[in-house]
Protein backbone atom coordinates (compact mmCIF):
# COMPACT_ATOMS: atom_id res chain seq x y z
CA GLY A 1 16.35 14.71 -16.51
CA GLN A 2 12.78 13.74 -15.95
CA GLU A 3 10.17 14.80 -18.34
CA VAL A 4 7.51 16.99 -16.81
CA GLY A 5 4.49 14.87 -15.82
CA GLY A 6 6.91 12.02 -16.29
CA GLY A 7 5.14 8.91 -14.81
CA ALA A 8 2.96 6.62 -16.68
CA VAL A 9 -0.15 8.20 -18.04
CA VAL A 10 -2.86 5.68 -18.20
CA ARG A 11 -6.06 6.12 -20.11
CA ASN A 12 -8.77 3.42 -20.49
CA ALA A 13 -12.16 2.95 -21.98
CA VAL A 14 -15.20 4.22 -20.32
CA LYS A 15 -17.41 1.70 -18.64
CA PRO A 16 -21.03 2.37 -18.52
CA VAL A 17 -22.51 3.55 -15.26
CA ARG A 18 -25.11 1.32 -13.79
CA GLU A 19 -28.09 3.39 -12.99
CA GLU A 20 -29.73 2.69 -9.61
CA SER A 21 -33.44 3.05 -9.37
CA SER A 22 -34.65 5.28 -6.59
CA GLY A 23 -38.24 4.06 -6.76
CA GLY A 24 -39.67 7.62 -6.85
CA GLY A 25 -41.43 8.73 -10.01
CA GLU A 26 -40.69 12.63 -9.86
CA GLN A 27 -37.19 12.76 -8.83
CA GLY A 28 -36.47 16.41 -9.62
CA LEU A 29 -39.27 17.94 -7.48
CA ASP A 30 -40.28 18.11 -3.89
CA GLY A 31 -43.95 17.29 -2.99
CA ASP A 32 -45.29 20.62 -4.04
CA GLY A 33 -44.21 20.12 -7.67
CA LYS A 34 -42.62 23.49 -7.84
CA THR A 35 -39.37 23.38 -5.71
CA PRO A 36 -36.53 21.58 -7.28
CA ALA A 37 -35.44 18.61 -4.74
CA THR A 38 -31.99 17.93 -3.63
CA PRO A 39 -30.67 15.57 -6.44
CA ARG A 40 -29.91 11.99 -5.65
CA MET A 41 -26.08 11.77 -5.48
CA VAL A 42 -23.96 8.94 -6.95
CA PRO A 43 -20.16 8.36 -7.28
CA LYS A 44 -18.79 9.61 -10.48
CA CYS A 45 -17.56 6.84 -12.70
CA PRO A 46 -15.37 7.26 -14.54
CA ALA A 47 -13.52 9.81 -12.37
CA ARG A 48 -10.39 11.53 -13.50
CA ILE A 49 -7.95 10.72 -10.68
CA LEU A 50 -4.26 11.74 -10.34
CA ILE A 51 -2.13 9.22 -8.39
CA VAL A 52 0.92 10.81 -6.85
CA GLU A 53 3.23 8.02 -5.49
CA ASP A 54 6.99 7.70 -5.84
CA HIS A 55 7.15 3.97 -5.14
CA TRP A 56 6.41 1.95 -8.29
CA ALA A 57 4.79 -1.09 -6.63
CA ASN A 58 2.35 1.06 -4.63
CA ARG A 59 1.55 3.11 -7.63
CA LYS A 60 0.98 0.02 -9.74
CA LEU A 61 -1.35 -1.51 -7.05
CA ILE A 62 -3.56 1.63 -6.74
CA GLU A 63 -3.57 1.98 -10.44
CA ALA A 64 -4.71 -1.64 -10.83
CA MET A 65 -7.55 -1.31 -8.27
CA LEU A 66 -8.77 1.90 -9.86
CA LEU A 67 -8.59 0.60 -13.47
CA GLN A 68 -10.90 -2.30 -12.47
CA LYS A 69 -13.53 0.49 -11.43
CA GLY A 70 -13.06 2.13 -14.84
CA HIS A 71 -11.53 5.42 -13.65
CA ILE A 72 -9.29 7.59 -15.88
CA LEU A 73 -5.80 7.81 -14.36
CA ASP A 74 -2.74 9.98 -14.58
CA CYS A 75 0.29 8.84 -12.47
CA VAL A 76 3.23 10.98 -11.20
CA GLU A 77 6.17 10.21 -8.98
CA ASN A 78 6.49 13.49 -6.92
CA GLY A 79 4.75 16.40 -5.61
CA LYS A 80 6.47 18.71 -8.13
CA GLU A 81 4.93 16.72 -10.91
CA ALA A 82 1.53 16.81 -9.16
CA VAL A 83 1.67 20.56 -9.04
CA THR A 84 2.52 20.69 -12.76
CA ASN A 85 -0.23 18.26 -13.70
CA THR A 86 -2.92 19.97 -11.55
CA ASN A 87 -2.07 23.36 -13.17
CA THR A 88 -3.19 22.09 -16.53
CA ILE A 89 -5.48 19.09 -16.22
CA GLU A 90 -8.71 19.18 -14.22
CA TYR A 91 -9.16 16.24 -11.82
CA ASP A 92 -11.99 14.84 -9.82
CA LEU A 93 -9.62 13.53 -7.13
CA VAL A 94 -5.97 13.48 -6.12
CA LEU A 95 -4.46 10.50 -4.18
CA MET A 96 -1.24 12.11 -2.66
CA ASP A 97 1.51 10.13 -1.06
CA CYS A 98 3.04 12.30 1.61
CA ASN A 99 6.69 11.24 1.80
CA MET A 100 8.33 11.66 -1.61
CA PRO A 101 11.60 13.09 -2.88
CA ILE A 102 11.79 16.50 -4.77
CA MET A 103 8.60 17.76 -3.24
CA ASP A 104 6.61 16.01 -0.55
CA GLY A 105 2.88 15.73 -0.58
CA TRP A 106 2.22 18.29 2.17
CA VAL A 107 4.16 20.92 0.32
CA ALA A 108 2.50 19.98 -3.10
CA THR A 109 -0.97 20.16 -1.50
CA GLU A 110 -0.24 23.59 0.18
CA THR A 111 1.01 24.70 -3.24
CA ILE A 112 -2.10 23.58 -5.13
CA ARG A 113 -4.43 25.09 -2.56
CA GLN A 114 -2.73 28.49 -2.40
CA ARG A 115 -2.68 29.23 -6.19
CA ARG A 116 -5.69 30.51 -8.07
CA GLY A 117 -7.21 28.55 -10.75
CA LEU A 118 -7.59 24.87 -11.74
CA ASN A 119 -7.95 22.25 -8.90
CA VAL A 120 -7.66 24.76 -6.08
CA SER A 121 -10.64 22.92 -4.44
CA VAL A 122 -10.15 19.33 -5.80
CA PRO A 123 -10.43 16.74 -3.07
CA ILE A 124 -6.90 15.61 -2.11
CA VAL A 125 -6.67 12.37 -0.08
CA ALA A 126 -3.27 11.58 1.68
CA VAL A 127 -2.07 8.04 1.00
CA THR A 128 0.77 7.35 3.40
CA ALA A 129 2.38 4.59 5.58
CA ASN A 130 2.35 7.14 8.52
CA ALA A 131 -0.44 5.92 10.68
CA MET A 132 0.53 7.95 13.73
CA LYS A 133 -2.18 9.94 15.52
CA GLY A 134 -0.78 13.38 14.62
CA ASP A 135 -0.23 12.53 10.91
CA ARG A 136 -3.96 12.85 10.09
CA ASP A 137 -3.95 16.31 11.58
CA LYS A 138 -0.83 17.26 9.70
CA CYS A 139 -2.52 16.16 6.41
CA ILE A 140 -5.68 18.26 7.24
CA GLN A 141 -3.58 21.29 8.19
CA ALA A 142 -1.74 21.00 4.86
CA GLY A 143 -5.10 21.19 2.98
CA MET A 144 -5.88 17.54 2.37
CA ASP A 145 -9.43 16.39 2.60
CA ASP A 146 -8.99 12.87 3.88
CA TYR A 147 -6.58 10.20 4.70
CA ILE A 148 -5.96 6.49 3.88
CA SER A 149 -3.08 4.49 5.23
CA LYS A 150 -0.92 2.00 3.36
CA PRO A 151 -0.98 -0.74 2.70
CA VAL A 152 -4.11 0.40 0.73
CA ASP A 153 -7.10 -1.81 1.26
CA ARG A 154 -9.21 -2.10 -1.86
CA LYS A 155 -12.60 -1.71 -0.05
CA THR A 156 -11.43 1.45 1.91
CA LEU A 157 -9.94 2.86 -1.39
CA TYR A 158 -13.29 2.45 -3.19
CA GLU A 159 -15.19 3.93 -0.25
CA ILE A 160 -12.79 6.99 -0.27
CA ILE A 161 -13.20 7.51 -4.06
CA ASP A 162 -17.01 7.23 -3.88
CA LYS A 163 -17.08 9.60 -0.88
CA TRP A 164 -15.17 12.39 -2.69
CA THR A 165 -16.48 12.02 -6.22
CA MET A 166 -20.31 12.26 -5.61
CA VAL A 167 -22.33 14.00 -8.33
CA PRO A 168 -26.04 14.40 -9.00
CA ALA A 169 -27.60 11.31 -10.52
CA GLY A 170 -27.84 11.48 -14.42
CA GLY A 171 -26.07 14.68 -14.46
CA GLU A 172 -22.64 16.26 -14.79
CA SER A 173 -20.62 17.59 -11.88
CA PRO A 174 -22.02 20.66 -10.10
CA GLN A 175 -20.15 23.81 -10.63
CA PRO A 176 -17.18 24.03 -8.19
CA SER A 177 -17.94 25.95 -5.06
CA SER A 178 -15.46 28.10 -3.18
CA PRO A 179 -13.21 26.18 -0.85
CA THR A 180 -14.35 26.26 2.74
CA ARG A 181 -10.84 26.61 4.16
């Protein structure tokens, strides 16, 4: 049988984050000098990302693109493994294929969202070949936060990762908030 969490587990060295200058001297304060300002947000890198994809070539392609950006990756082959991993490892983002054997991405997402505890509000992005109009709605109804179609475009993938992994500049992730679902 398959080992729980059985896909390749990839770990890589952390690449330094390039700080971008905002040009402002007093970043943490509004004009009155007393009220904390909204922090400048930047994409988290490295982000801890779970890739859930049953097709090895698609998995390797996404993995290679994300390793180039310095992210920390775990890879699994079906929704059941995704549910197991998200129960014990905290992720910044999950890239979830929809059509997989054993447990599909929609059921896996619903399972992750319905339980209490770790990763209940982690951003889950559908990665699927289904580019039909109703498919995006089906993904959102299952509890997914966004959608990217296959074949995965590098620029689009990077934009999605940046969009869903924003953290305050120079700081750690903010405390998880309650899901708005």
